[in-house]
N, C-alpha and C. Protein backbone atom coordinates (compact mmCIF):
# COMPACT_ATOMS: atom_id res chain seq x y z
N MET A 1 -72.66 -238.93 130.60
CA MET A 1 -71.37 -238.25 130.54
C MET A 1 -71.49 -236.97 129.72
N LYS A 2 -72.17 -237.07 128.56
CA LYS A 2 -72.36 -235.90 127.71
C LYS A 2 -73.18 -234.85 128.42
N ARG A 3 -74.17 -235.35 129.22
CA ARG A 3 -75.02 -234.40 129.95
C ARG A 3 -74.20 -233.63 130.98
N SER A 4 -73.27 -234.30 131.65
CA SER A 4 -72.42 -233.65 132.65
C SER A 4 -71.56 -232.59 132.00
N ARG A 5 -71.00 -232.94 130.80
CA ARG A 5 -70.16 -231.97 130.10
C ARG A 5 -70.98 -230.74 129.69
N THR A 6 -72.21 -230.99 129.30
CA THR A 6 -73.09 -229.90 128.89
C THR A 6 -73.35 -228.96 130.06
N ILE A 7 -73.61 -229.52 131.26
CA ILE A 7 -73.87 -228.71 132.45
C ILE A 7 -72.65 -227.89 132.82
N VAL A 8 -71.45 -228.52 132.76
CA VAL A 8 -70.21 -227.81 133.07
C VAL A 8 -69.99 -226.66 132.10
N SER A 9 -70.26 -226.92 130.81
CA SER A 9 -70.08 -225.89 129.80
C SER A 9 -71.01 -224.71 130.05
N LEU A 10 -72.25 -225.02 130.44
CA LEU A 10 -73.21 -223.96 130.73
C LEU A 10 -72.76 -223.14 131.94
N CYS A 11 -72.24 -223.81 132.96
CA CYS A 11 -71.75 -223.10 134.16
C CYS A 11 -70.61 -222.15 133.81
N VAL A 12 -69.69 -222.65 132.96
CA VAL A 12 -68.58 -221.81 132.53
C VAL A 12 -69.08 -220.59 131.79
N LEU A 13 -70.07 -220.79 130.91
CA LEU A 13 -70.63 -219.67 130.16
C LEU A 13 -71.27 -218.63 131.07
N PHE A 14 -72.00 -219.12 132.09
CA PHE A 14 -72.64 -218.21 133.04
C PHE A 14 -71.60 -217.39 133.81
N VAL A 15 -70.52 -218.06 134.24
CA VAL A 15 -69.45 -217.36 134.98
C VAL A 15 -68.80 -216.31 134.10
N GLN A 16 -68.50 -216.67 132.86
CA GLN A 16 -67.87 -215.74 131.94
C GLN A 16 -68.78 -214.53 131.67
N ALA A 17 -70.08 -214.81 131.55
CA ALA A 17 -71.03 -213.73 131.31
C ALA A 17 -71.08 -212.79 132.51
N ALA A 18 -71.04 -213.36 133.70
CA ALA A 18 -71.08 -212.54 134.91
C ALA A 18 -69.84 -211.66 135.01
N ILE A 19 -68.67 -212.23 134.66
CA ILE A 19 -67.42 -211.46 134.70
C ILE A 19 -67.45 -210.34 133.70
N CYS A 20 -67.94 -210.64 132.50
CA CYS A 20 -68.02 -209.62 131.45
C CYS A 20 -68.97 -208.50 131.86
N PHE A 21 -70.09 -208.87 132.50
CA PHE A 21 -71.06 -207.85 132.92
C PHE A 21 -70.46 -206.96 134.00
N ALA A 22 -69.70 -207.56 134.92
CA ALA A 22 -69.08 -206.79 136.01
C ALA A 22 -68.04 -205.83 135.46
N GLN A 23 -67.36 -206.21 134.37
CA GLN A 23 -66.33 -205.36 133.80
C GLN A 23 -66.87 -204.41 132.75
N SER A 24 -68.16 -204.54 132.43
CA SER A 24 -68.76 -203.71 131.38
C SER A 24 -68.81 -202.25 131.81
N PRO A 25 -68.50 -201.32 130.91
CA PRO A 25 -68.53 -199.90 131.25
C PRO A 25 -69.94 -199.40 131.52
N THR A 26 -70.96 -200.21 131.16
CA THR A 26 -72.33 -199.76 131.38
C THR A 26 -72.83 -200.12 132.77
N SER A 27 -72.02 -200.85 133.55
CA SER A 27 -72.44 -201.21 134.89
C SER A 27 -72.46 -199.97 135.77
N LEU A 28 -73.30 -199.99 136.84
CA LEU A 28 -73.46 -198.83 137.71
C LEU A 28 -72.19 -198.55 138.49
N ALA A 29 -71.84 -197.25 138.60
CA ALA A 29 -70.66 -196.87 139.37
C ALA A 29 -70.99 -196.91 140.86
N ALA A 30 -69.96 -197.08 141.67
CA ALA A 30 -70.16 -197.10 143.11
C ALA A 30 -70.65 -195.73 143.57
N PRO A 31 -71.57 -195.68 144.55
CA PRO A 31 -72.08 -194.40 145.02
C PRO A 31 -70.96 -193.57 145.66
N SER A 32 -71.06 -192.24 145.53
CA SER A 32 -70.06 -191.34 146.07
C SER A 32 -70.72 -190.44 147.10
N TYR A 33 -70.36 -190.62 148.36
CA TYR A 33 -70.95 -189.84 149.44
C TYR A 33 -69.93 -188.81 149.93
N VAL A 34 -70.37 -187.55 150.09
CA VAL A 34 -69.48 -186.49 150.58
C VAL A 34 -70.22 -185.69 151.65
N THR A 35 -69.45 -184.91 152.42
CA THR A 35 -70.04 -184.08 153.46
C THR A 35 -69.68 -182.62 153.22
N VAL A 36 -70.46 -181.74 153.83
CA VAL A 36 -70.19 -180.30 153.74
C VAL A 36 -70.69 -179.63 155.02
N ALA A 37 -69.92 -178.69 155.53
CA ALA A 37 -70.36 -177.87 156.66
C ALA A 37 -71.06 -176.66 156.06
N PHE A 38 -72.36 -176.79 155.82
CA PHE A 38 -73.07 -175.81 154.99
C PHE A 38 -73.11 -174.41 155.60
N ASN A 39 -73.50 -174.29 156.85
CA ASN A 39 -73.58 -172.97 157.46
C ASN A 39 -72.23 -172.27 157.49
N ALA A 40 -71.20 -173.03 157.82
CA ALA A 40 -69.85 -172.47 157.83
C ALA A 40 -69.45 -172.04 156.43
N ALA A 41 -69.83 -172.83 155.43
CA ALA A 41 -69.51 -172.50 154.04
C ALA A 41 -70.17 -171.19 153.62
N VAL A 42 -71.42 -171.00 154.04
CA VAL A 42 -72.13 -169.75 153.72
C VAL A 42 -71.35 -168.55 154.25
N LEU A 43 -70.97 -168.61 155.52
CA LEU A 43 -70.30 -167.48 156.16
C LEU A 43 -68.90 -167.23 155.64
N GLN A 44 -68.28 -168.25 155.05
CA GLN A 44 -66.92 -168.11 154.55
C GLN A 44 -66.85 -167.69 153.09
N THR A 45 -67.99 -167.58 152.42
CA THR A 45 -67.95 -167.11 151.03
C THR A 45 -67.57 -165.64 151.00
N ALA A 46 -66.97 -165.21 149.90
CA ALA A 46 -66.58 -163.81 149.76
C ALA A 46 -67.81 -162.91 149.80
N GLU A 47 -68.90 -163.40 149.25
CA GLU A 47 -70.13 -162.61 149.23
C GLU A 47 -70.64 -162.34 150.64
N ALA A 48 -70.67 -163.37 151.48
CA ALA A 48 -71.15 -163.21 152.85
C ALA A 48 -70.24 -162.27 153.63
N LYS A 49 -68.94 -162.39 153.46
CA LYS A 49 -68.01 -161.50 154.15
C LYS A 49 -68.26 -160.05 153.76
N HIS A 50 -68.53 -159.82 152.49
CA HIS A 50 -68.80 -158.47 152.01
C HIS A 50 -70.11 -157.94 152.59
N VAL A 51 -71.14 -158.77 152.57
CA VAL A 51 -72.45 -158.35 153.06
C VAL A 51 -72.41 -158.05 154.56
N PHE A 52 -71.78 -158.93 155.33
CA PHE A 52 -71.72 -158.71 156.77
C PHE A 52 -70.79 -157.56 157.12
N GLY A 53 -69.81 -157.28 156.27
CA GLY A 53 -68.99 -156.10 156.46
C GLY A 53 -69.81 -154.83 156.31
N ASP A 54 -70.73 -154.82 155.33
CA ASP A 54 -71.64 -153.69 155.14
C ASP A 54 -72.56 -153.52 156.36
N LEU A 55 -73.04 -154.63 156.88
CA LEU A 55 -73.91 -154.56 158.06
C LEU A 55 -73.16 -153.99 159.26
N GLN A 56 -71.93 -154.39 159.42
CA GLN A 56 -71.12 -153.88 160.54
C GLN A 56 -70.95 -152.37 160.43
N ALA A 57 -70.74 -151.90 159.20
CA ALA A 57 -70.58 -150.46 158.99
C ALA A 57 -71.88 -149.71 159.28
N LYS A 58 -73.02 -150.30 158.91
CA LYS A 58 -74.31 -149.65 159.14
C LYS A 58 -74.70 -149.62 160.61
N PHE A 59 -74.40 -150.70 161.32
CA PHE A 59 -74.78 -150.77 162.72
C PHE A 59 -73.73 -150.16 163.65
N GLY A 60 -72.55 -149.85 163.12
CA GLY A 60 -71.47 -149.31 163.93
C GLY A 60 -71.85 -148.06 164.72
N PRO A 61 -72.46 -147.05 164.08
CA PRO A 61 -72.82 -145.83 164.82
C PRO A 61 -73.77 -146.09 165.99
N ARG A 62 -74.71 -146.99 165.81
CA ARG A 62 -75.65 -147.29 166.90
C ARG A 62 -74.94 -148.02 168.04
N GLN A 63 -74.00 -148.88 167.68
CA GLN A 63 -73.24 -149.58 168.71
C GLN A 63 -72.38 -148.59 169.50
N THR A 64 -71.78 -147.64 168.80
CA THR A 64 -70.97 -146.62 169.46
C THR A 64 -71.83 -145.77 170.40
N HIS A 65 -73.03 -145.42 169.94
CA HIS A 65 -73.94 -144.63 170.77
C HIS A 65 -74.29 -145.37 172.06
N LEU A 66 -74.54 -146.68 171.97
CA LEU A 66 -74.85 -147.46 173.16
C LEU A 66 -73.67 -147.50 174.13
N GLN A 67 -72.47 -147.57 173.58
CA GLN A 67 -71.28 -147.56 174.43
C GLN A 67 -71.13 -146.22 175.14
N GLN A 68 -71.45 -145.12 174.44
CA GLN A 68 -71.38 -143.80 175.06
C GLN A 68 -72.43 -143.66 176.15
N LEU A 69 -73.63 -144.15 175.89
CA LEU A 69 -74.70 -144.08 176.87
C LEU A 69 -74.36 -144.90 178.10
N ASN A 70 -73.75 -146.05 177.90
CA ASN A 70 -73.34 -146.89 179.02
C ASN A 70 -72.27 -146.18 179.86
N ALA A 71 -71.35 -145.47 179.18
CA ALA A 71 -70.31 -144.73 179.90
C ALA A 71 -70.92 -143.62 180.74
N GLN A 72 -71.95 -142.94 180.22
CA GLN A 72 -72.64 -141.89 180.97
C GLN A 72 -73.30 -142.47 182.22
N ILE A 73 -73.91 -143.63 182.08
CA ILE A 73 -74.57 -144.28 183.20
C ILE A 73 -73.57 -144.67 184.29
N GLU A 74 -72.45 -145.24 183.87
CA GLU A 74 -71.42 -145.63 184.83
C GLU A 74 -70.84 -144.42 185.55
N SER A 75 -70.68 -143.32 184.80
CA SER A 75 -70.16 -142.09 185.40
C SER A 75 -71.14 -141.54 186.43
N LEU A 76 -72.42 -141.57 186.12
CA LEU A 76 -73.44 -141.07 187.05
C LEU A 76 -73.52 -141.94 188.29
N LYS A 77 -73.38 -143.24 188.12
CA LYS A 77 -73.36 -144.14 189.27
C LYS A 77 -72.20 -143.81 190.20
N LYS A 78 -71.04 -143.54 189.60
CA LYS A 78 -69.85 -143.23 190.39
C LYS A 78 -70.05 -141.92 191.17
N GLN A 79 -70.65 -140.93 190.50
CA GLN A 79 -70.90 -139.65 191.17
C GLN A 79 -71.80 -139.84 192.39
N ILE A 80 -72.82 -140.64 192.24
CA ILE A 80 -73.74 -140.88 193.34
C ILE A 80 -73.05 -141.61 194.49
N ASN A 81 -72.28 -142.64 194.16
CA ASN A 81 -71.60 -143.43 195.19
C ASN A 81 -70.52 -142.63 195.90
N ASP A 82 -69.79 -141.81 195.14
CA ASP A 82 -68.67 -141.06 195.72
C ASP A 82 -69.14 -139.87 196.56
N ASN A 83 -70.34 -139.37 196.30
CA ASN A 83 -70.80 -138.15 196.97
C ASN A 83 -72.07 -138.37 197.78
N THR A 84 -72.30 -139.60 198.17
CA THR A 84 -73.52 -139.90 198.93
C THR A 84 -73.63 -139.05 200.19
N ALA A 85 -72.51 -138.92 200.91
CA ALA A 85 -72.55 -138.20 202.19
C ALA A 85 -72.78 -136.70 202.00
N SER A 86 -72.29 -136.11 200.91
CA SER A 86 -72.38 -134.66 200.72
C SER A 86 -73.63 -134.22 199.96
N LEU A 87 -74.35 -135.15 199.38
CA LEU A 87 -75.55 -134.80 198.61
C LEU A 87 -76.75 -134.64 199.52
N SER A 88 -77.54 -133.62 199.22
CA SER A 88 -78.80 -133.47 199.94
C SER A 88 -79.78 -134.51 199.41
N GLU A 89 -80.87 -134.69 200.13
CA GLU A 89 -81.86 -135.67 199.71
C GLU A 89 -82.45 -135.30 198.35
N ALA A 90 -82.65 -134.01 198.12
CA ALA A 90 -83.21 -133.56 196.84
C ALA A 90 -82.23 -133.82 195.71
N GLU A 91 -80.94 -133.53 195.94
CA GLU A 91 -79.92 -133.75 194.90
C GLU A 91 -79.77 -135.25 194.62
N LYS A 92 -79.74 -136.02 195.69
CA LYS A 92 -79.61 -137.48 195.51
C LYS A 92 -80.81 -138.04 194.77
N SER A 93 -82.00 -137.58 195.10
CA SER A 93 -83.21 -138.05 194.43
C SER A 93 -83.18 -137.69 192.95
N ALA A 94 -82.71 -136.47 192.63
CA ALA A 94 -82.65 -136.01 191.24
C ALA A 94 -81.68 -136.87 190.44
N LYS A 95 -80.51 -137.16 191.05
CA LYS A 95 -79.52 -137.97 190.33
C LYS A 95 -80.00 -139.41 190.14
N LEU A 96 -80.66 -139.96 191.14
CA LEU A 96 -81.19 -141.32 191.01
C LEU A 96 -82.28 -141.38 189.93
N HIS A 97 -83.08 -140.31 189.87
CA HIS A 97 -84.11 -140.26 188.83
C HIS A 97 -83.47 -140.20 187.44
N ALA A 98 -82.40 -139.36 187.31
CA ALA A 98 -81.69 -139.25 186.03
C ALA A 98 -81.05 -140.59 185.65
N LEU A 99 -80.51 -141.27 186.67
CA LEU A 99 -79.88 -142.57 186.42
C LEU A 99 -80.92 -143.58 185.94
N ASP A 100 -82.07 -143.60 186.58
CA ASP A 100 -83.13 -144.53 186.19
C ASP A 100 -83.61 -144.24 184.77
N THR A 101 -83.73 -142.96 184.42
CA THR A 101 -84.17 -142.58 183.07
C THR A 101 -83.18 -143.05 182.02
N GLU A 102 -81.89 -142.84 182.28
CA GLU A 102 -80.87 -143.24 181.30
C GLU A 102 -80.77 -144.76 181.18
N GLU A 103 -80.94 -145.47 182.29
CA GLU A 103 -80.90 -146.93 182.24
C GLU A 103 -82.07 -147.48 181.43
N ARG A 104 -83.24 -146.89 181.60
CA ARG A 104 -84.41 -147.32 180.83
C ARG A 104 -84.20 -147.04 179.34
N GLN A 105 -83.64 -145.85 179.06
CA GLN A 105 -83.39 -145.49 177.66
C GLN A 105 -82.40 -146.46 177.03
N MET A 106 -81.34 -146.79 177.76
CA MET A 106 -80.33 -147.70 177.23
C MET A 106 -80.93 -149.08 176.99
N GLN A 107 -81.79 -149.55 177.90
CA GLN A 107 -82.38 -150.87 177.74
C GLN A 107 -83.26 -150.93 176.50
N ARG A 108 -84.06 -149.85 176.28
CA ARG A 108 -84.92 -149.81 175.09
C ARG A 108 -84.08 -149.82 173.82
N GLU A 109 -83.07 -148.96 173.79
CA GLU A 109 -82.25 -148.85 172.59
C GLU A 109 -81.43 -150.12 172.35
N ALA A 110 -80.98 -150.76 173.43
CA ALA A 110 -80.22 -152.01 173.29
C ALA A 110 -81.11 -153.12 172.74
N ASP A 111 -82.37 -153.16 173.20
CA ASP A 111 -83.31 -154.17 172.69
C ASP A 111 -83.60 -153.93 171.22
N ASP A 112 -83.82 -152.65 170.85
CA ASP A 112 -84.09 -152.32 169.45
C ASP A 112 -82.88 -152.67 168.58
N PHE A 113 -81.70 -152.35 169.09
CA PHE A 113 -80.46 -152.62 168.35
C PHE A 113 -80.31 -154.12 168.10
N LYS A 114 -80.52 -154.92 169.15
CA LYS A 114 -80.38 -156.37 169.00
C LYS A 114 -81.41 -156.92 168.01
N GLY A 115 -82.65 -156.44 168.11
CA GLY A 115 -83.68 -156.92 167.19
C GLY A 115 -83.38 -156.58 165.75
N ASP A 116 -82.96 -155.34 165.51
CA ASP A 116 -82.64 -154.92 164.14
C ASP A 116 -81.41 -155.67 163.60
N ALA A 117 -80.39 -155.80 164.45
CA ALA A 117 -79.16 -156.48 164.02
C ALA A 117 -79.42 -157.96 163.72
N ASP A 118 -80.18 -158.61 164.60
CA ASP A 118 -80.48 -160.03 164.39
C ASP A 118 -81.29 -160.24 163.11
N SER A 119 -82.28 -159.37 162.89
CA SER A 119 -83.14 -159.49 161.71
C SER A 119 -82.33 -159.28 160.43
N ALA A 120 -81.50 -158.24 160.40
CA ALA A 120 -80.70 -157.95 159.22
C ALA A 120 -79.69 -159.06 158.95
N SER A 121 -79.08 -159.58 160.02
CA SER A 121 -78.10 -160.66 159.86
C SER A 121 -78.75 -161.92 159.32
N GLN A 122 -79.95 -162.24 159.83
CA GLN A 122 -80.66 -163.42 159.37
C GLN A 122 -81.04 -163.29 157.90
N GLN A 123 -81.51 -162.11 157.50
CA GLN A 123 -81.88 -161.89 156.10
C GLN A 123 -80.66 -162.03 155.20
N ALA A 124 -79.54 -161.47 155.63
CA ALA A 124 -78.31 -161.54 154.84
C ALA A 124 -77.84 -162.98 154.70
N PHE A 125 -77.89 -163.73 155.81
CA PHE A 125 -77.46 -165.13 155.78
C PHE A 125 -78.34 -165.94 154.84
N GLN A 126 -79.66 -165.78 154.95
CA GLN A 126 -80.58 -166.54 154.12
C GLN A 126 -80.39 -166.23 152.64
N SER A 127 -80.11 -164.97 152.33
CA SER A 127 -79.91 -164.58 150.94
C SER A 127 -78.74 -165.33 150.31
N VAL A 128 -77.61 -165.39 151.03
CA VAL A 128 -76.44 -166.09 150.52
C VAL A 128 -76.66 -167.60 150.57
N ALA A 129 -77.30 -168.08 151.62
CA ALA A 129 -77.52 -169.53 151.77
C ALA A 129 -78.37 -170.09 150.63
N GLN A 130 -79.39 -169.36 150.23
CA GLN A 130 -80.24 -169.82 149.14
C GLN A 130 -79.46 -169.96 147.84
N LYS A 131 -78.58 -169.00 147.58
CA LYS A 131 -77.77 -169.06 146.35
C LYS A 131 -76.73 -170.18 146.42
N LEU A 132 -76.12 -170.35 147.59
CA LEU A 132 -75.13 -171.42 147.73
C LEU A 132 -75.79 -172.79 147.61
N TYR A 133 -76.99 -172.93 148.16
CA TYR A 133 -77.72 -174.20 148.06
C TYR A 133 -78.02 -174.54 146.60
N ALA A 134 -78.48 -173.54 145.84
CA ALA A 134 -78.77 -173.77 144.42
C ALA A 134 -77.50 -174.14 143.67
N PHE A 135 -76.40 -173.48 144.00
CA PHE A 135 -75.12 -173.79 143.36
C PHE A 135 -74.66 -175.19 143.71
N LEU A 136 -74.90 -175.61 144.95
CA LEU A 136 -74.49 -176.94 145.40
C LEU A 136 -75.16 -178.05 144.58
N GLN A 137 -76.40 -177.82 144.17
CA GLN A 137 -77.11 -178.83 143.37
C GLN A 137 -76.36 -179.10 142.06
N ASP A 138 -75.98 -178.04 141.37
CA ASP A 138 -75.25 -178.20 140.10
C ASP A 138 -73.85 -178.75 140.35
N TYR A 139 -73.21 -178.27 141.41
CA TYR A 139 -71.85 -178.72 141.73
C TYR A 139 -71.83 -180.22 142.00
N ALA A 140 -72.83 -180.71 142.74
CA ALA A 140 -72.90 -182.13 143.06
C ALA A 140 -73.13 -182.97 141.81
N LYS A 141 -73.98 -182.48 140.91
CA LYS A 141 -74.24 -183.21 139.68
C LYS A 141 -72.99 -183.26 138.80
N GLN A 142 -72.28 -182.15 138.71
CA GLN A 142 -71.07 -182.11 137.89
C GLN A 142 -70.00 -183.08 138.40
N HIS A 143 -69.96 -183.29 139.70
CA HIS A 143 -68.96 -184.19 140.27
C HIS A 143 -69.51 -185.60 140.52
N ALA A 144 -70.75 -185.85 140.06
CA ALA A 144 -71.36 -187.18 140.15
C ALA A 144 -71.44 -187.69 141.59
N TYR A 145 -71.76 -186.79 142.53
CA TYR A 145 -71.96 -187.22 143.91
C TYR A 145 -73.33 -187.87 144.04
N THR A 146 -73.37 -188.99 144.74
CA THR A 146 -74.64 -189.65 144.98
C THR A 146 -75.41 -188.97 146.11
N LEU A 147 -74.67 -188.51 147.12
CA LEU A 147 -75.30 -187.93 148.30
C LEU A 147 -74.37 -186.90 148.92
N VAL A 148 -74.92 -185.73 149.26
CA VAL A 148 -74.17 -184.69 149.98
C VAL A 148 -74.84 -184.52 151.34
N ILE A 149 -74.07 -184.73 152.40
CA ILE A 149 -74.61 -184.70 153.77
C ILE A 149 -74.06 -183.49 154.51
N ASP A 150 -74.95 -182.74 155.17
CA ASP A 150 -74.50 -181.63 156.01
C ASP A 150 -73.89 -182.21 157.27
N ARG A 151 -72.62 -181.95 157.50
CA ARG A 151 -71.93 -182.55 158.64
C ARG A 151 -72.15 -181.79 159.93
N GLY A 152 -72.84 -180.64 159.87
CA GLY A 152 -73.07 -179.83 161.07
C GLY A 152 -71.82 -179.07 161.47
N SER A 153 -71.73 -178.72 162.73
CA SER A 153 -70.57 -177.97 163.24
C SER A 153 -69.79 -178.84 164.21
N ASP A 154 -68.62 -178.37 164.60
CA ASP A 154 -67.82 -179.12 165.57
C ASP A 154 -68.55 -179.18 166.92
N ALA A 155 -69.29 -178.12 167.24
CA ALA A 155 -70.00 -178.08 168.52
C ALA A 155 -71.25 -178.97 168.50
N ALA A 156 -71.86 -179.09 167.32
CA ALA A 156 -73.07 -179.92 167.20
C ALA A 156 -72.98 -180.75 165.92
N PRO A 157 -72.13 -181.78 165.94
CA PRO A 157 -71.93 -182.60 164.73
C PRO A 157 -73.14 -183.44 164.38
N VAL A 158 -73.39 -183.57 163.08
CA VAL A 158 -74.44 -184.44 162.58
C VAL A 158 -73.81 -185.76 162.10
N VAL A 159 -72.64 -185.65 161.50
CA VAL A 159 -71.87 -186.81 161.04
C VAL A 159 -70.77 -187.07 162.06
N TRP A 160 -70.74 -188.27 162.60
CA TRP A 160 -69.77 -188.56 163.65
C TRP A 160 -68.38 -188.86 163.12
N TYR A 161 -68.32 -189.31 161.89
CA TYR A 161 -67.00 -189.54 161.29
C TYR A 161 -67.11 -189.50 159.78
N ALA A 162 -66.12 -188.87 159.17
CA ALA A 162 -65.98 -188.88 157.72
C ALA A 162 -64.51 -188.65 157.41
N ALA A 163 -63.98 -189.37 156.44
CA ALA A 163 -62.59 -189.18 156.05
C ALA A 163 -62.38 -187.75 155.59
N ALA A 164 -61.17 -187.25 155.78
CA ALA A 164 -60.87 -185.86 155.43
C ALA A 164 -61.16 -185.56 153.97
N ASN A 165 -60.87 -186.52 153.10
CA ASN A 165 -61.08 -186.28 151.67
C ASN A 165 -62.54 -186.40 151.26
N ALA A 166 -63.42 -186.71 152.23
CA ALA A 166 -64.85 -186.79 151.92
C ALA A 166 -65.54 -185.45 152.09
N ASP A 167 -64.86 -184.49 152.73
CA ASP A 167 -65.46 -183.18 152.98
C ASP A 167 -65.15 -182.23 151.82
N ILE A 168 -66.19 -181.59 151.29
CA ILE A 168 -66.02 -180.72 150.12
C ILE A 168 -66.24 -179.24 150.46
N THR A 169 -66.25 -178.89 151.75
CA THR A 169 -66.56 -177.52 152.15
C THR A 169 -65.64 -176.50 151.50
N VAL A 170 -64.34 -176.72 151.60
CA VAL A 170 -63.37 -175.76 151.05
C VAL A 170 -63.50 -175.65 149.54
N GLU A 171 -63.62 -176.81 148.88
CA GLU A 171 -63.74 -176.80 147.41
C GLU A 171 -65.03 -176.12 146.97
N LEU A 172 -66.10 -176.33 147.72
CA LEU A 172 -67.39 -175.71 147.37
C LEU A 172 -67.30 -174.19 147.48
N ILE A 173 -66.68 -173.69 148.54
CA ILE A 173 -66.53 -172.24 148.72
C ILE A 173 -65.72 -171.63 147.58
N LYS A 174 -64.61 -172.28 147.24
CA LYS A 174 -63.77 -171.76 146.15
C LYS A 174 -64.53 -171.72 144.83
N ALA A 175 -65.26 -172.80 144.54
CA ALA A 175 -66.02 -172.85 143.28
C ALA A 175 -67.12 -171.80 143.26
N TYR A 176 -67.79 -171.61 144.39
CA TYR A 176 -68.87 -170.61 144.46
C TYR A 176 -68.31 -169.20 144.29
N ASP A 177 -67.20 -168.93 144.95
CA ASP A 177 -66.59 -167.59 144.84
C ASP A 177 -66.15 -167.29 143.40
N LEU A 178 -65.61 -168.30 142.73
CA LEU A 178 -65.18 -168.11 141.34
C LEU A 178 -66.37 -167.79 140.45
N LYS A 179 -67.46 -168.52 140.64
CA LYS A 179 -68.64 -168.27 139.82
C LYS A 179 -69.25 -166.92 140.14
N ALA A 180 -69.32 -166.58 141.45
CA ALA A 180 -69.91 -165.31 141.86
C ALA A 180 -69.10 -164.13 141.32
N ALA A 181 -67.78 -164.29 141.31
CA ALA A 181 -66.91 -163.20 140.82
C ALA A 181 -67.09 -162.99 139.32
N ALA A 182 -67.44 -164.07 138.61
CA ALA A 182 -67.58 -163.97 137.15
C ALA A 182 -69.01 -163.63 136.73
N THR A 183 -69.92 -163.54 137.72
CA THR A 183 -71.32 -163.26 137.40
C THR A 183 -71.69 -161.86 137.84
N PRO A 184 -72.04 -160.96 136.90
CA PRO A 184 -72.46 -159.61 137.29
C PRO A 184 -73.73 -159.70 138.12
N ARG A 185 -73.77 -158.98 139.23
CA ARG A 185 -74.95 -158.99 140.08
C ARG A 185 -75.04 -157.69 140.83
N SER A 186 -76.26 -157.36 141.24
CA SER A 186 -76.46 -156.16 142.06
C SER A 186 -76.09 -156.49 143.48
N ARG A 187 -75.71 -155.50 144.26
CA ARG A 187 -75.33 -155.71 145.64
C ARG A 187 -76.53 -156.15 146.46
N THR A 188 -76.31 -157.03 147.41
CA THR A 188 -77.38 -157.52 148.26
C THR A 188 -77.90 -156.39 149.13
N ASN A 189 -79.24 -156.23 149.19
CA ASN A 189 -79.85 -155.22 150.02
C ASN A 189 -79.85 -155.71 151.46
N THR A 190 -79.09 -155.09 152.33
CA THR A 190 -78.94 -155.56 153.71
C THR A 190 -79.70 -154.68 154.70
N ASN A 191 -80.86 -154.17 154.31
CA ASN A 191 -81.72 -153.37 155.16
C ASN A 191 -81.46 -151.89 154.95
N PRO A 192 -81.92 -151.33 153.83
CA PRO A 192 -81.68 -149.93 153.54
C PRO A 192 -82.47 -149.00 154.44
N GLN A 193 -83.51 -149.50 155.13
CA GLN A 193 -84.33 -148.65 156.01
C GLN A 193 -83.81 -148.66 157.43
N LEU A 194 -82.58 -149.02 157.63
CA LEU A 194 -82.00 -149.08 158.96
C LEU A 194 -82.08 -147.72 159.63
N PRO A 195 -82.70 -147.60 160.81
CA PRO A 195 -82.82 -146.30 161.46
C PRO A 195 -81.47 -145.77 161.92
N PRO A 196 -81.28 -144.45 161.91
CA PRO A 196 -79.99 -143.87 162.32
C PRO A 196 -79.79 -143.96 163.82
N ALA A 197 -78.55 -143.76 164.23
CA ALA A 197 -78.26 -143.79 165.66
C ALA A 197 -78.83 -142.55 166.31
N PRO A 198 -79.44 -142.69 167.48
CA PRO A 198 -79.95 -141.52 168.20
C PRO A 198 -78.80 -140.62 168.63
N THR A 199 -79.08 -139.35 168.79
CA THR A 199 -78.05 -138.41 169.22
C THR A 199 -77.89 -138.49 170.73
N PRO A 200 -76.66 -138.72 171.21
CA PRO A 200 -76.47 -138.81 172.67
C PRO A 200 -76.89 -137.51 173.34
N ARG A 201 -77.49 -137.64 174.51
CA ARG A 201 -77.92 -136.43 175.22
C ARG A 201 -76.77 -135.82 176.01
C-alpha cells in the first residue's frame, strides 16, 4: 500500500514538473514564419523608384530618336506604295534602297538600345536588391522571425497560401525607406558611360 502511494506521489511530482517547465519563461518560443515578395519589394522602395527614374531620363532621348526613325521609315513606305505607278524604275529602286538602309539602321540601334537598357536596369535592380537583402537579415532578427520565405509573384507563386498577416512586404519597404532616408549615401551610379542618342538624319 505504501509502495502504491509512493508511485502515485512520484507521478504527481513528474506531472507538476512538466507543467512548470511548459510555463517556464525559458522554454522555446513557437517558430514564427513570414513571407515577402522580395522582387516586388525591391522595385517599390523609394530608392529603386529614384534610380529607375534617372534611367528613364537617360534613355529617353534614345527612345525618342528611335520613334522618329520609325516615323521616317513608315513615311517612306507610304510614299513608295502611294506612288508606285508614277515612279520610274530608277526612282523606285533608289527609294527601296533608302528604305532598306533606314530599316537596317533602326534594327541596329534598337538592338543596342535594348541591350544597354536591359544591362543598366539589371545593374540598378541588383544594387538595390543587395542592400534590401542585407537589411532584411537585421529586420528579421529584430522581429524574431524563425524563417522568411520569398512568396514569389502572383504570376509565378512559390507559396501557395499564407495568411494576410504573415506577409511583411509592405512593412519591410516602409522600414527600409525610413532607414535609407536617415542614412547619408551617394547616389547610385546607373551607367554614367551611357552613349548619347544618334542625331536623326
